[in-house]
């Protein structure tokens, strides 16, 4: 079934807003950007809703922030694909980078696939919030037990450590007045707050610029996928540049394609 979803399928013409609405409605989430699904947890739960009991949700980390944790989620997802004999290779290295285009295409494919199962009828007995809550409860107690054990070990090895922390040390050096220290801290806090504000403004501007150029590239990609244009050398050259990996430059090959078609 998955192998029948080609690049010219209508699935790849679904926009970001429609995808986000689909995810938020089904899983009762509040995603505002495609990149927020880059961890792979959303995809795992979508498959869990489509095939209840097939996904080992206790292995899915909804708080994944590092690439390592995200990769573990995608390993779970790929195992599920293999178990269900879904012929779909996951480009994990691209998805965990949070690249909008790669995550958009994968979610477009996922939406098309999930809607092809059981006619896209939603499992009414599936509670996504409750399911995520159970996963978090299963993951957190283990971490808390480890933390409590490590604390007990440290306390047993250093029985006087807690008491020592509560004993103020008297130093022979002259201490600065508290008013001066508070003044210095306030100035430093204000400077850091101003810096954070400036960084937030810069991030917002960069995100707007990124979304603008991404939308332009997506429009070009859709235009190049039109059947009446796909055999034109210039279109083939543009596709070569669009789909080139980050570490390589396809400009030379694109120029060769144009030259060969003249």
Protein backbone atom coordinates (compact mmCIF):
# COMPACT_ATOMS: atom_id res chain seq x y z
CA UNK A 1 0.00 0.00 0.00
CA UNK A 2 2.76 2.44 0.94
CA UNK A 3 4.71 1.78 -2.25
CA UNK A 4 1.69 2.92 -4.27
CA UNK A 5 1.88 6.46 -2.85
CA UNK A 6 4.14 8.18 -5.38
CA UNK A 7 5.44 11.74 -5.51
CA UNK A 8 2.65 12.70 -7.95
CA UNK A 9 -0.05 11.43 -5.58
CA UNK A 10 -2.51 14.05 -4.35
CA UNK A 11 -1.18 13.39 -0.83
CA UNK A 12 1.88 15.53 -1.57
CA UNK A 13 -0.29 18.53 -2.43
CA UNK A 14 -1.70 18.77 1.09
CA UNK A 15 -0.72 22.04 2.75
CA UNK A 16 0.83 22.63 6.16
CA UNK A 17 -2.32 24.06 7.72
CA UNK A 18 -4.40 21.05 6.69
CA UNK A 19 -1.74 18.68 8.07
CA UNK A 20 -1.52 20.51 11.38
CA UNK A 21 -5.32 20.56 11.71
CA UNK A 22 -5.41 16.82 11.02
CA UNK A 23 -2.75 16.06 13.65
CA UNK A 24 -4.21 18.39 16.28
CA UNK A 25 -7.75 17.06 15.79
CA UNK A 26 -6.80 13.38 15.92
CA UNK A 27 -4.27 13.51 18.74
CA UNK A 28 -5.72 16.50 20.61
CA UNK A 29 -2.50 18.45 20.33
CA UNK A 30 -1.77 22.11 19.65
CA UNK A 31 1.04 22.06 17.11
CA UNK A 32 1.61 25.31 15.23
CA UNK A 33 4.56 24.27 13.05
CA UNK A 34 5.43 21.15 11.09
CA UNK A 35 8.89 21.03 12.70
CA UNK A 36 7.31 20.38 16.11
CA UNK A 37 6.60 16.83 14.91
CA UNK A 38 10.26 16.18 14.08
CA UNK A 39 10.79 14.02 17.19
CA UNK A 40 8.81 11.13 15.70
CA UNK A 41 6.48 10.79 18.70
CA UNK A 42 3.49 12.15 16.76
CA UNK A 43 4.06 9.65 13.96
CA UNK A 44 4.28 6.79 16.45
CA UNK A 45 0.99 7.75 18.08
CA UNK A 46 -0.69 8.10 14.68
CA UNK A 47 0.27 4.51 13.93
CA UNK A 48 -0.84 3.52 17.43
CA UNK A 49 -4.27 5.00 16.68
CA UNK A 50 -4.43 3.32 13.27
CA UNK A 51 -3.24 -0.08 14.55
CA UNK A 52 -4.08 -0.23 18.28
CA UNK A 53 -1.65 -2.36 20.27
CA UNK A 54 0.95 -2.57 17.51
CA UNK A 55 3.16 0.28 18.69
CA UNK A 56 5.12 -0.25 21.95
CA UNK A 57 4.17 3.20 23.24
CA UNK A 58 6.16 2.77 26.44
CA UNK A 59 9.28 3.16 24.28
CA UNK A 60 8.10 6.44 22.72
CA UNK A 61 9.58 9.59 24.24
CA UNK A 62 7.21 12.55 23.86
CA UNK A 63 9.76 14.83 25.55
CA UNK A 64 12.54 14.02 23.07
CA UNK A 65 14.71 17.06 22.47
CA UNK A 66 18.07 15.65 21.42
CA UNK A 67 18.73 13.89 18.12
CA UNK A 68 19.63 10.72 20.02
CA UNK A 69 16.20 10.57 21.72
CA UNK A 70 14.44 11.38 18.44
CA UNK A 71 16.30 8.59 16.64
CA UNK A 72 15.05 6.11 19.26
CA UNK A 73 11.47 7.15 18.43
CA UNK A 74 12.06 6.62 14.72
CA UNK A 75 13.57 3.20 15.43
CA UNK A 76 10.29 2.26 17.13
CA UNK A 77 8.37 3.58 14.11
CA UNK A 78 10.55 1.72 11.59
CA UNK A 79 10.12 -1.50 13.57
CA UNK A 80 6.36 -1.02 13.38
CA UNK A 81 6.57 -0.48 9.61
CA UNK A 82 8.60 -3.66 9.26
CA UNK A 83 6.17 -5.60 11.44
CA UNK A 84 3.21 -4.42 9.35
CA UNK A 85 5.18 -4.98 6.12
CA UNK A 86 4.88 -1.32 5.19
CA UNK A 87 7.38 -0.63 2.41
CA UNK A 88 8.52 2.80 3.60
CA UNK A 89 12.06 3.85 4.45
CA UNK A 90 12.31 6.64 7.01
CA UNK A 91 14.93 9.32 6.30
CA UNK A 92 15.76 9.66 10.00
CA UNK A 93 18.89 11.79 9.57
CA UNK A 94 16.91 14.43 7.70
CA UNK A 95 13.81 14.38 9.87
CA UNK A 96 15.62 14.82 13.20
CA UNK A 97 17.27 17.98 11.84
CA UNK A 98 13.82 19.56 11.87
CA UNK A 99 13.98 20.42 8.18
CA UNK A 100 10.50 21.69 7.21
CA UNK A 101 10.33 20.19 3.72
CA UNK A 102 11.40 16.68 4.78
CA UNK A 103 9.01 16.63 7.74
CA UNK A 104 6.21 18.02 5.60
CA UNK A 105 6.60 15.29 2.97
CA UNK A 106 6.76 12.51 5.56
CA UNK A 107 3.62 13.77 7.31
CA UNK A 108 1.88 14.10 3.94
CA UNK A 109 2.68 10.45 3.27
CA UNK A 110 1.57 9.43 6.78
CA UNK A 111 -1.77 11.22 6.43
CA UNK A 112 -2.41 9.54 3.09
CA UNK A 113 -1.50 6.12 4.51
CA UNK A 114 -3.57 6.41 7.70
CA UNK A 115 -6.60 7.57 5.73
CA UNK A 116 -6.25 4.57 3.42
CA UNK A 117 -6.66 2.17 6.37
CA UNK A 118 -10.29 1.38 7.25
CA UNK A 119 -11.37 4.18 4.95
CA UNK A 120 -9.82 6.73 7.27
CA UNK A 121 -12.46 6.06 9.95
CA UNK A 122 -11.19 7.27 13.31
CA UNK A 123 -11.08 4.85 16.23
CA UNK A 124 -13.73 6.33 18.53
CA UNK A 125 -12.52 4.34 21.55
CA UNK A 126 -8.99 5.73 21.27
CA UNK A 127 -8.19 8.47 23.79
CA UNK A 128 -4.90 10.11 22.68
CA UNK A 129 -4.50 12.25 25.81
CA UNK A 130 -5.06 9.29 28.13
CA UNK A 131 -2.69 7.16 26.02
CA UNK A 132 0.08 9.74 26.28
CA UNK A 133 -0.58 10.10 29.99
CA UNK A 134 -0.09 6.38 30.55
CA UNK A 135 3.18 6.48 28.60
CA UNK A 136 4.50 9.35 30.73
CA UNK A 137 3.52 7.55 33.93
CA UNK A 138 5.33 4.42 32.76
CA UNK A 139 8.49 6.36 31.89
CA UNK A 140 8.71 8.77 34.84
CA UNK A 141 8.56 6.30 37.77
CA UNK A 142 11.64 4.53 36.47
CA UNK A 143 13.54 7.77 36.35
CA UNK A 144 12.36 8.79 39.81
CA UNK A 145 13.33 5.39 41.23
CA UNK A 146 16.82 5.74 39.75
CA UNK A 147 17.13 9.22 41.19
CA UNK A 148 15.98 8.09 44.62
CA UNK A 149 18.41 5.15 44.57
CA UNK A 150 21.29 7.41 43.57
CA UNK A 151 20.39 9.86 46.33
CA UNK A 152 20.26 7.05 48.88
CA UNK A 153 23.65 5.79 47.73
CA UNK A 154 25.21 9.24 47.97
CA UNK A 155 23.75 9.80 51.44
CA UNK A 156 24.96 6.41 52.68
CA UNK A 157 28.47 7.07 51.39
CA UNK A 158 28.54 10.62 52.78
CA UNK A 159 26.31 10.55 55.88
CA UNK A 160 27.43 14.00 56.99
CA UNK A 161 27.08 15.66 53.61
CA UNK A 162 23.60 17.08 54.28
CA UNK A 163 24.62 18.52 57.61
CA UNK A 164 27.72 20.02 56.10
CA UNK A 165 25.68 21.83 53.51
CA UNK A 166 23.61 23.51 56.21
CA UNK A 167 26.63 24.73 58.19
CA UNK A 168 27.66 28.23 57.13
CA UNK A 169 31.37 28.64 56.59
CA UNK A 170 33.02 31.57 58.30
CA UNK A 171 35.65 33.15 56.14
CA UNK A 172 38.29 35.56 57.21
CA UNK A 173 37.80 37.69 54.09
CA UNK A 174 35.71 40.78 54.29
CA UNK A 175 32.28 40.35 52.74
CA UNK A 176 30.72 42.96 50.45
CA UNK A 177 27.60 44.76 51.71
CA UNK A 178 24.37 43.00 50.67
CA UNK A 179 22.97 46.18 49.07
CA UNK A 180 25.94 46.38 46.68
CA UNK A 181 25.62 42.71 45.77
CA UNK A 182 21.87 43.07 45.09
CA UNK A 183 22.51 46.11 42.92
CA UNK A 184 25.11 44.26 40.85
CA UNK A 185 22.77 41.26 40.44
CA UNK A 186 19.88 43.47 39.35
CA UNK A 187 21.99 45.13 36.69
CA UNK A 188 23.23 41.76 35.42
CA UNK A 189 19.69 40.34 35.35
CA UNK A 190 18.44 43.38 33.42
CA UNK A 191 21.27 43.06 30.90
CA UNK A 192 20.52 39.37 30.39
CA UNK A 193 16.81 40.09 30.01
CA UNK A 194 17.53 42.67 27.32
CA UNK A 195 19.78 40.20 25.52
CA UNK A 196 17.09 37.50 25.65
CA UNK A 197 14.53 39.94 24.23
CA UNK A 198 16.84 40.84 21.35
CA UNK A 199 17.49 37.15 20.62
CA UNK A 200 13.76 36.41 20.59
CA UNK A 201 13.16 39.20 18.09
CA UNK A 202 15.99 37.86 15.90
CA UNK A 203 14.57 34.33 16.07
CA UNK A 204 11.10 35.56 15.10
CA UNK A 205 12.50 37.41 12.10
CA UNK A 206 14.52 34.38 11.02
CA UNK A 207 11.51 32.10 11.33
CA UNK A 208 9.38 34.45 9.22
CA UNK A 209 12.12 34.62 6.59
CA UNK A 210 12.51 30.85 6.65
CA UNK A 211 8.75 30.26 6.25
CA UNK A 212 8.63 32.78 3.40
CA UNK A 213 11.36 31.05 1.38
CA UNK A 214 10.03 27.61 2.26
CA UNK A 215 6.61 28.56 0.87
CA UNK A 216 8.28 29.81 -2.33
CA UNK A 217 10.26 26.59 -2.72
CA UNK A 218 7.17 24.51 -2.09
CA UNK A 219 5.27 26.42 -4.81
CA UNK A 220 8.13 25.82 -7.23
CA UNK A 221 8.18 22.12 -6.32
CA UNK A 222 4.43 21.73 -6.92
CA UNK A 223 4.76 23.55 -10.25
CA UNK A 224 7.60 21.24 -11.31
CA UNK A 225 5.49 18.18 -10.49
CA UNK A 226 2.89 19.06 -13.14
CA UNK A 227 2.75 16.21 -15.73
CA UNK A 228 2.95 18.57 -18.69
CA UNK A 229 6.21 20.08 -17.39
CA UNK A 230 8.14 17.12 -15.99
CA UNK A 231 9.95 16.32 -19.28
CA UNK A 232 11.26 19.86 -19.80
CA UNK A 233 15.06 20.04 -19.19
CA UNK A 234 14.80 23.24 -17.14
CA UNK A 235 12.24 21.61 -14.82
CA UNK A 236 14.46 18.54 -14.42
CA UNK A 237 17.39 20.84 -13.55
CA UNK A 238 15.33 22.70 -10.94
CA UNK A 239 14.27 19.38 -9.37
CA UNK A 240 17.91 18.31 -9.24
CA UNK A 241 18.76 21.40 -7.20
CA UNK A 242 15.67 21.10 -4.96
CA UNK A 243 16.26 17.47 -4.00
CA UNK A 244 20.04 17.63 -3.59
CA UNK A 245 21.41 16.72 -0.16
CA UNK A 246 22.79 19.50 2.03
CA UNK A 247 26.36 18.32 1.73
CA UNK A 248 26.45 18.36 -2.07
CA UNK A 249 25.97 20.97 -4.78
CA UNK A 250 23.84 19.96 -7.74
CA UNK A 251 24.39 23.14 -9.72
CA UNK A 252 26.93 21.59 -12.10
CA UNK A 253 24.68 18.60 -12.84
CA UNK A 254 21.70 20.89 -13.31
CA UNK A 255 23.63 22.94 -15.84
CA UNK A 256 24.58 19.76 -17.69
CA UNK A 257 20.90 18.75 -17.87
CA UNK A 258 20.02 22.11 -19.39
CA UNK A 259 22.92 21.95 -21.85
CA UNK A 260 22.00 18.42 -22.95
CA UNK A 261 18.41 19.47 -23.61
CA UNK A 262 19.36 22.36 -25.90
